[in-house]
Amino acid sequence: MIYWLYERLIERQLSILPAHICVMITEQDIQDAPDKILACTRWCIDISRGVTARASGYAVRENVQENENAGRNGSTIRGLTFHISTKENSSIEKYLPVIRKIGEIAHLAIHYKEQTEERGSGLPVTVAIGKSGREEITECIKSMARSHVLPDQVDEKLLESCLTFKYTPDFVIKTGGDHLTDFLIWQSVYSELFFSDTNWKYIRKVDVLRALRDYQNRVRRFGQ
């Protein structure tokens, strides 16, 4: 009951949400709490709907254009990514059925080994299993080489067009206090980082809300 009230209190304080969130976990995390990835997706969907509804309500009642713009630009989560770092001899296959359940409440894209599968509709949710940012950039270079791209033609826009994951996360959350991986090493250069001391299997909705409140209170400088 106390945590429920605390959740409501924090959620009412939120008016600005990151458009795209990336949560970095490990294979051990999935083994310890395989259902948590579905729960975290549901929490993000619920939080986004609640904040968006309040922003829209304020705009209607006050009839202020600035509030309408704020509701469109800062109160909706438009994408969610989970990166699962794996060991060399990974046994992640047995957890895929649990991960696929996300497709029941969102538009799920699973990137695993050389395959990509999609299912469902709604919030775009990407689950990238064992993917490396260095490997992604290496593949970009190989792709440009195969296309006979001249050195003078290479720029940031061209490289980004070759990336597998063509989005820039606003907020990167790492649970358990471990160090970050190199996933989205190019895309996350200006992302806000949040390190939670709470292990993945103990993560609750209130912990996600606290992280989002921390994001809201930051002044983003985008490297400046």
C-alpha atoms as a PDB file:
ATOM      1  CA  MET A   1       0.000   0.000   0.000  1.00  0.00           C
ATOM      2  CA  ILE A   2       2.808   2.421   0.909  1.00  0.00           C
ATOM      3  CA  TYR A   3       4.680   1.717  -2.325  1.00  0.00           C
ATOM      4  CA  TRP A   4       1.482   2.174  -4.338  1.00  0.00           C
ATOM      5  CA  LEU A   5       0.971   5.620  -2.814  1.00  0.00           C
ATOM      6  CA  TYR A   6       4.631   6.465  -3.385  1.00  0.00           C
ATOM      7  CA  GLU A   7       4.312   5.397  -7.035  1.00  0.00           C
ATOM      8  CA  ARG A   8       1.293   7.660  -7.488  1.00  0.00           C
ATOM      9  CA  LEU A   9       3.131  10.567  -5.874  1.00  0.00           C
ATOM     10  CA  ILE A  10       6.179  10.253  -8.153  1.00  0.00           C
ATOM     11  CA  GLU A  11       4.083   9.659 -11.257  1.00  0.00           C
ATOM     12  CA  ARG A  12       2.104  12.839 -10.632  1.00  0.00           C
ATOM     13  CA  GLN A  13       5.409  14.732 -10.529  1.00  0.00           C
ATOM     14  CA  LEU A  14       6.374  13.567 -14.025  1.00  0.00           C
ATOM     15  CA  SER A  15       5.681  15.788 -17.011  1.00  0.00           C
ATOM     16  CA  ILE A  16       8.769  15.134 -19.157  1.00  0.00           C
ATOM     17  CA  LEU A  17       9.664  11.647 -20.366  1.00  0.00           C
ATOM     18  CA  PRO A  18      12.529  10.418 -22.568  1.00  0.00           C
ATOM     19  CA  ALA A  19      11.320   9.609 -26.069  1.00  0.00           C
ATOM     20  CA  HIS A  20      13.476   6.485 -26.206  1.00  0.00           C
ATOM     21  CA  ILE A  21      14.732   4.429 -23.274  1.00  0.00           C
ATOM     22  CA  CYS A  22      17.415   1.744 -23.375  1.00  0.00           C
ATOM     23  CA  VAL A  23      17.668  -0.705 -20.464  1.00  0.00           C
ATOM     24  CA  MET A  24      20.876  -2.718 -20.264  1.00  0.00           C
ATOM     25  CA  ILE A  25      20.756  -6.061 -18.471  1.00  0.00           C
ATOM     26  CA  THR A  26      22.744  -9.281 -18.468  1.00  0.00           C
ATOM     27  CA  GLU A  27      22.034 -12.896 -19.302  1.00  0.00           C
ATOM     28  CA  GLN A  28      22.221 -13.634 -15.586  1.00  0.00           C
ATOM     29  CA  ASP A  29      19.491 -11.049 -15.018  1.00  0.00           C
ATOM     30  CA  ILE A  30      17.193 -12.873 -17.440  1.00  0.00           C
ATOM     31  CA  GLN A  31      17.957 -16.153 -15.732  1.00  0.00           C
ATOM     32  CA  ASP A  32      17.163 -14.666 -12.318  1.00  0.00           C
ATOM     33  CA  ALA A  33      13.942 -12.900 -13.353  1.00  0.00           C
ATOM     34  CA  PRO A  34      12.788 -13.767 -16.893  1.00  0.00           C
ATOM     35  CA  ASP A  35       9.309 -12.227 -16.457  1.00  0.00           C
ATOM     36  CA  LYS A  36      10.708  -8.866 -15.366  1.00  0.00           C
ATOM     37  CA  ILE A  37      11.304  -7.753 -18.967  1.00  0.00           C
ATOM     38  CA  LEU A  38       7.561  -7.998 -19.687  1.00  0.00           C
ATOM     39  CA  ALA A  39       6.719  -6.231 -16.428  1.00  0.00           C
ATOM     40  CA  CYS A  40       9.139  -3.384 -17.189  1.00  0.00           C
ATOM     41  CA  THR A  41       7.597  -2.947 -20.641  1.00  0.00           C
ATOM     42  CA  ARG A  42       4.128  -2.771 -19.120  1.00  0.00           C
ATOM     43  CA  TRP A  43       5.287  -0.221 -16.533  1.00  0.00           C
ATOM     44  CA  CYS A  44       6.737   2.038 -19.226  1.00  0.00           C
ATOM     45  CA  ILE A  45       3.532   1.824 -21.279  1.00  0.00           C
ATOM     46  CA  ASP A  46       1.374   2.638 -18.256  1.00  0.00           C
ATOM     47  CA  ILE A  47       3.606   5.517 -17.139  1.00  0.00           C
ATOM     48  CA  SER A  48       3.665   7.009 -20.626  1.00  0.00           C
ATOM     49  CA  ARG A  49      -0.116   6.816 -20.959  1.00  0.00           C
ATOM     50  CA  GLY A  50      -0.616   8.442 -17.581  1.00  0.00           C
ATOM     51  CA  VAL A  51       1.769  11.332 -18.208  1.00  0.00           C
ATOM     52  CA  THR A  52       0.387  11.900 -21.702  1.00  0.00           C
ATOM     53  CA  ALA A  53      -3.193  11.932 -20.404  1.00  0.00           C
ATOM     54  CA  ARG A  54      -2.349  14.520 -17.771  1.00  0.00           C
ATOM     55  CA  ALA A  55      -0.486  16.681 -20.299  1.00  0.00           C
ATOM     56  CA  SER A  56      -3.462  16.536 -22.669  1.00  0.00           C
ATOM     57  CA  GLY A  57      -5.843  17.355 -19.844  1.00  0.00           C
ATOM     58  CA  TYR A  58      -3.866  20.424 -18.841  1.00  0.00           C
ATOM     59  CA  ALA A  59      -3.796  21.606 -22.440  1.00  0.00           C
ATOM     60  CA  VAL A  60      -7.558  21.228 -22.832  1.00  0.00           C
ATOM     61  CA  ARG A  61      -8.394  22.951 -19.562  1.00  0.00           C
ATOM     62  CA  GLU A  62      -5.957  25.807 -20.028  1.00  0.00           C
ATOM     63  CA  ASN A  63      -6.188  25.999 -23.825  1.00  0.00           C
ATOM     64  CA  VAL A  64      -2.545  27.016 -24.056  1.00  0.00           C
ATOM     65  CA  GLN A  65      -0.546  26.204 -27.184  1.00  0.00           C
ATOM     66  CA  GLU A  66       2.670  25.772 -25.229  1.00  0.00           C
ATOM     67  CA  ASN A  67       1.117  22.963 -23.225  1.00  0.00           C
ATOM     68  CA  GLU A  68      -0.062  21.262 -26.419  1.00  0.00           C
ATOM     69  CA  ASN A  69       3.464  21.304 -27.774  1.00  0.00           C
ATOM     70  CA  ALA A  70       4.843  20.001 -24.492  1.00  0.00           C
ATOM     71  CA  GLY A  71       2.321  17.163 -24.556  1.00  0.00           C
ATOM     72  CA  ARG A  72       3.460  16.106 -28.009  1.00  0.00           C
ATOM     73  CA  ASN A  73       7.182  16.501 -27.489  1.00  0.00           C
ATOM     74  CA  GLY A  74       7.946  15.552 -23.935  1.00  0.00           C
ATOM     75  CA  SER A  75       5.290  13.347 -22.344  1.00  0.00           C
ATOM     76  CA  THR A  76       5.365  10.169 -24.406  1.00  0.00           C
ATOM     77  CA  ILE A  77       7.763   7.235 -24.528  1.00  0.00           C
ATOM     78  CA  ARG A  78       8.047   6.407 -28.233  1.00  0.00           C
ATOM     79  CA  GLY A  79      10.497   3.523 -28.055  1.00  0.00           C
ATOM     80  CA  LEU A  80      11.979   1.052 -25.592  1.00  0.00           C
ATOM     81  CA  THR A  81      15.066  -1.134 -25.990  1.00  0.00           C
ATOM     82  CA  PHE A  82      16.394  -3.949 -23.844  1.00  0.00           C
ATOM     83  CA  HIS A  83      19.962  -5.036 -24.441  1.00  0.00           C
ATOM     84  CA  ILE A  84      20.877  -8.426 -22.997  1.00  0.00           C
ATOM     85  CA  SER A  85      24.615  -8.988 -22.816  1.00  0.00           C
ATOM     86  CA  THR A  86      25.486 -12.661 -23.217  1.00  0.00           C
ATOM     87  CA  LYS A  87      28.418 -14.962 -22.622  1.00  0.00           C
ATOM     88  CA  GLU A  88      30.266 -16.714 -25.421  1.00  0.00           C
ATOM     89  CA  ASN A  89      28.368 -19.957 -24.854  1.00  0.00           C
ATOM     90  CA  SER A  90      24.939 -18.449 -24.363  1.00  0.00           C
ATOM     91  CA  SER A  91      21.861 -20.454 -23.437  1.00  0.00           C
ATOM     92  CA  ILE A  92      19.376 -17.648 -23.997  1.00  0.00           C
ATOM     93  CA  GLU A  93      17.116 -19.675 -26.318  1.00  0.00           C
ATOM     94  CA  LYS A  94      15.034 -21.099 -23.480  1.00  0.00           C
ATOM     95  CA  TYR A  95      14.046 -17.581 -22.454  1.00  0.00           C
ATOM     96  CA  LEU A  96      12.832 -16.499 -25.888  1.00  0.00           C
ATOM     97  CA  PRO A  97       9.221 -17.653 -25.234  1.00  0.00           C
ATOM     98  CA  VAL A  98       9.090 -15.309 -22.235  1.00  0.00           C
ATOM     99  CA  ILE A  99      10.576 -12.436 -24.228  1.00  0.00           C
ATOM    100  CA  ARG A 100       8.076 -13.032 -27.045  1.00  0.00           C
ATOM    101  CA  LYS A 101       5.216 -12.305 -24.634  1.00  0.00           C
ATOM    102  CA  ILE A 102       6.107  -8.615 -25.030  1.00  0.00           C
ATOM    103  CA  GLY A 103       4.495  -8.914 -28.478  1.00  0.00           C
ATOM    104  CA  GLU A 104       1.140  -9.287 -26.715  1.00  0.00           C
ATOM    105  CA  ILE A 105       1.252  -5.682 -25.443  1.00  0.00           C
ATOM    106  CA  ALA A 106       3.678  -3.917 -27.817  1.00  0.00           C
ATOM    107  CA  HIS A 107       5.362  -4.124 -31.223  1.00  0.00           C
ATOM    108  CA  LEU A 108       8.292  -6.385 -30.472  1.00  0.00           C
ATOM    109  CA  ALA A 109      11.458  -6.790 -32.542  1.00  0.00           C
ATOM    110  CA  ILE A 110      13.964  -9.400 -31.354  1.00  0.00           C
ATOM    111  CA  HIS A 111      17.513  -9.230 -32.723  1.00  0.00           C
ATOM    112  CA  TYR A 112      19.329 -12.455 -31.921  1.00  0.00           C
ATOM    113  CA  LYS A 113      22.356 -13.863 -33.721  1.00  0.00           C
ATOM    114  CA  GLU A 114      21.747 -13.183 -37.432  1.00  0.00           C
ATOM    115  CA  GLN A 115      17.963 -13.211 -37.186  1.00  0.00           C
ATOM    116  CA  THR A 116      15.287 -10.602 -36.543  1.00  0.00           C
ATOM    117  CA  GLU A 117      11.683 -11.428 -35.713  1.00  0.00           C
ATOM    118  CA  GLU A 118       8.781  -9.059 -35.187  1.00  0.00           C
ATOM    119  CA  ARG A 119       5.332  -9.431 -33.718  1.00  0.00           C
ATOM    120  CA  GLY A 120       2.555  -7.431 -32.106  1.00  0.00           C
ATOM    121  CA  SER A 121       1.585  -3.773 -32.324  1.00  0.00           C
ATOM    122  CA  GLY A 122       1.830  -0.649 -30.218  1.00  0.00           C
ATOM    123  CA  LEU A 123       4.915   0.801 -28.557  1.00  0.00           C
ATOM    124  CA  PRO A 124       8.065  -0.214 -30.503  1.00  0.00           C
ATOM    125  CA  VAL A 125      10.114  -2.469 -28.207  1.00  0.00           C
ATOM    126  CA  THR A 126      13.479  -3.838 -29.317  1.00  0.00           C
ATOM    127  CA  VAL A 127      15.216  -6.718 -27.560  1.00  0.00           C
ATOM    128  CA  ALA A 128      18.831  -6.977 -28.719  1.00  0.00           C
ATOM    129  CA  ILE A 129      20.506 -10.138 -27.459  1.00  0.00           C
ATOM    130  CA  GLY A 130      24.299 -10.296 -27.395  1.00  0.00           C
ATOM    131  CA  LYS A 131      24.704  -7.406 -29.823  1.00  0.00           C
ATOM    132  CA  SER A 132      27.914  -5.363 -29.829  1.00  0.00           C
ATOM    133  CA  GLY A 133      28.275  -1.728 -30.813  1.00  0.00           C
ATOM    134  CA  ARG A 134      31.766  -2.315 -32.169  1.00  0.00           C
ATOM    135  CA  GLU A 135      30.494  -5.151 -34.343  1.00  0.00           C
ATOM    136  CA  GLU A 136      27.667  -2.932 -35.586  1.00  0.00           C
ATOM    137  CA  ILE A 137      30.081  -0.175 -36.645  1.00  0.00           C
ATOM    138  CA  THR A 138      32.403  -2.749 -38.220  1.00  0.00           C
ATOM    139  CA  GLU A 139      29.482  -4.029 -40.295  1.00  0.00           C
ATOM    140  CA  CYS A 140      28.733  -0.436 -41.352  1.00  0.00           C
ATOM    141  CA  ILE A 141      32.280  -0.064 -42.652  1.00  0.00           C
ATOM    142  CA  LYS A 142      32.066  -3.389 -44.481  1.00  0.00           C
ATOM    143  CA  SER A 143      28.761  -2.343 -46.025  1.00  0.00           C
ATOM    144  CA  MET A 144      30.247   0.918 -47.294  1.00  0.00           C
ATOM    145  CA  ALA A 145      33.275  -0.945 -48.656  1.00  0.00           C
ATOM    146  CA  ARG A 146      31.031  -3.399 -50.517  1.00  0.00           C
ATOM    147  CA  SER A 147      29.186  -0.424 -51.992  1.00  0.00           C
ATOM    148  CA  HIS A 148      32.539   1.075 -53.125  1.00  0.00           C
ATOM    149  CA  VAL A 149      31.979   4.259 -51.124  1.00  0.00           C
ATOM    150  CA  LEU A 150      34.887   6.682 -51.539  1.00  0.00           C
ATOM    151  CA  PRO A 151      36.590   8.066 -48.412  1.00  0.00           C
ATOM    152  CA  ASP A 152      35.452  11.615 -49.179  1.00  0.00           C
ATOM    153  CA  GLN A 153      31.840  10.398 -49.304  1.00  0.00           C
ATOM    154  CA  VAL A 154      31.880   9.036 -45.763  1.00  0.00           C
ATOM    155  CA  ASP A 155      30.195  11.268 -43.192  1.00  0.00           C
ATOM    156  CA  GLU A 156      28.063  10.816 -40.071  1.00  0.00           C
ATOM    157  CA  LYS A 157      24.802  10.737 -42.017  1.00  0.00           C
ATOM    158  CA  LEU A 158      26.025   7.954 -44.302  1.00  0.00           C
ATOM    159  CA  LEU A 159      27.372   5.869 -41.417  1.00  0.00           C
ATOM    160  CA  GLU A 160      24.148   6.255 -39.471  1.00  0.00           C
ATOM    161  CA  SER A 161      22.154   5.073 -42.474  1.00  0.00           C
ATOM    162  CA  CYS A 162      24.066   1.784 -42.302  1.00  0.00           C
ATOM    163  CA  LEU A 163      23.443   1.148 -38.607  1.00  0.00           C
ATOM    164  CA  THR A 164      21.207  -1.726 -37.540  1.00  0.00           C
ATOM    165  CA  PHE A 165      19.621   0.303 -34.748  1.00  0.00           C
ATOM    166  CA  LYS A 166      18.664   3.656 -36.235  1.00  0.00           C
ATOM    167  CA  TYR A 167      17.646   5.604 -33.150  1.00  0.00           C
ATOM    168  CA  THR A 168      19.324   7.595 -30.400  1.00  0.00           C
ATOM    169  CA  PRO A 169      18.233   6.720 -26.850  1.00  0.00           C
ATOM    170  CA  ASP A 170      17.549   9.712 -24.648  1.00  0.00           C
ATOM    171  CA  PHE A 171      17.957   7.682 -21.475  1.00  0.00           C
ATOM    172  CA  VAL A 172      20.114   4.610 -20.769  1.00  0.00           C
ATOM    173  CA  ILE A 173      19.399   2.648 -17.588  1.00  0.00           C
ATOM    174  CA  LYS A 174      21.867   0.091 -16.225  1.00  0.00           C
ATOM    175  CA  THR A 175      20.717  -2.043 -13.330  1.00  0.00           C
ATOM    176  CA  GLY A 176      22.788  -3.748 -10.667  1.00  0.00           C
ATOM    177  CA  GLY A 177      25.580  -1.169 -10.690  1.00  0.00           C
ATOM    178  CA  ASP A 178      27.590  -3.010 -13.373  1.00  0.00           C
ATOM    179  CA  HIS A 179      29.500  -1.180 -16.070  1.00  0.00           C
ATOM    180  CA  LEU A 180      27.916  -0.418 -19.435  1.00  0.00           C
ATOM    181  CA  THR A 181      28.503  -2.525 -22.521  1.00  0.00           C
ATOM    182  CA  ASP A 182      29.433  -1.075 -25.914  1.00  0.00           C
ATOM    183  CA  PHE A 183      25.897  -1.531 -27.273  1.00  0.00           C
ATOM    184  CA  LEU A 184      24.701   1.592 -29.139  1.00  0.00           C
ATOM    185  CA  ILE A 185      28.169   3.050 -28.654  1.00  0.00           C
ATOM    186  CA  TRP A 186      27.587   5.467 -31.553  1.00  0.00           C
ATOM    187  CA  GLN A 187      23.927   6.242 -30.912  1.00  0.00           C
ATOM    188  CA  SER A 188      24.176   6.857 -27.159  1.00  0.00           C
ATOM    189  CA  VAL A 189      27.024   9.381 -27.183  1.00  0.00           C
ATOM    190  CA  TYR A 190      24.686  12.135 -25.896  1.00  0.00           C
ATOM    191  CA  SER A 191      22.345   9.907 -23.900  1.00  0.00           C
ATOM    192  CA  GLU A 192      21.651  10.528 -20.239  1.00  0.00           C
ATOM    193  CA  LEU A 193      22.936   7.614 -18.136  1.00  0.00           C
ATOM    194  CA  PHE A 194      21.365   6.206 -14.988  1.00  0.00           C
ATOM    195  CA  PHE A 195      23.018   3.521 -12.858  1.00  0.00           C
ATOM    196  CA  SER A 196      20.668   1.758 -10.481  1.00  0.00           C
ATOM    197  CA  ASP A 197      22.065  -0.059  -7.462  1.00  0.00           C
ATOM    198  CA  THR A 198      19.014  -2.322  -7.496  1.00  0.00           C
ATOM    199  CA  ASN A 199      19.538  -5.704  -9.129  1.00  0.00           C
ATOM    200  CA  TRP A 200      17.282  -6.536 -12.052  1.00  0.00           C
ATOM    201  CA  LYS A 201      15.294  -9.219 -10.230  1.00  0.00           C
ATOM    202  CA  TYR A 202      14.362  -6.711  -7.502  1.00  0.00           C
ATOM    203  CA  ILE A 203      13.399  -3.862  -9.826  1.00  0.00           C
ATOM    204  CA  ARG A 204       9.919  -2.461  -9.145  1.00  0.00           C
ATOM    205  CA  LYS A 205       7.778   0.095 -10.901  1.00  0.00           C
ATOM    206  CA  VAL A 206       8.734   2.631  -8.243  1.00  0.00           C
ATOM    207  CA  ASP A 207      12.408   2.188  -9.211  1.00  0.00           C
ATOM    208  CA  VAL A 208      11.587   2.964 -12.846  1.00  0.00           C
ATOM    209  CA  LEU A 209       9.614   6.023 -11.744  1.00  0.00           C
ATOM    210  CA  ARG A 210      12.558   7.239  -9.669  1.00  0.00           C
ATOM    211  CA  ALA A 211      14.852   6.892 -12.656  1.00  0.00           C
ATOM    212  CA  LEU A 212      12.432   8.852 -14.846  1.00  0.00           C
ATOM    213  CA  ARG A 213      12.148  11.562 -12.209  1.00  0.00           C
ATOM    214  CA  ASP A 214      15.935  11.806 -12.202  1.00  0.00           C
ATOM    215  CA  TYR A 215      15.880  12.206 -15.999  1.00  0.00           C
ATOM    216  CA  GLN A 216      13.257  14.950 -15.777  1.00  0.00           C
ATOM    217  CA  ASN A 217      15.402  16.918 -13.335  1.00  0.00           C
ATOM    218  CA  ARG A 218      18.456  16.925 -15.572  1.00  0.00           C
ATOM    219  CA  VAL A 219      19.469  19.690 -17.980  1.00  0.00           C
ATOM    220  CA  ARG A 220      20.502  17.994 -21.217  1.00  0.00           C
ATOM    221  CA  ARG A 221      23.518  19.586 -22.923  1.00  0.00           C
ATOM    222  CA  PHE A 222      24.054  17.137 -25.804  1.00  0.00           C
ATOM    223  CA  GLY A 223      27.825  17.299 -25.447  1.00  0.00           C
ATOM    224  CA  GLN A 224      28.013  21.100 -25.177  1.00  0.00           C
END
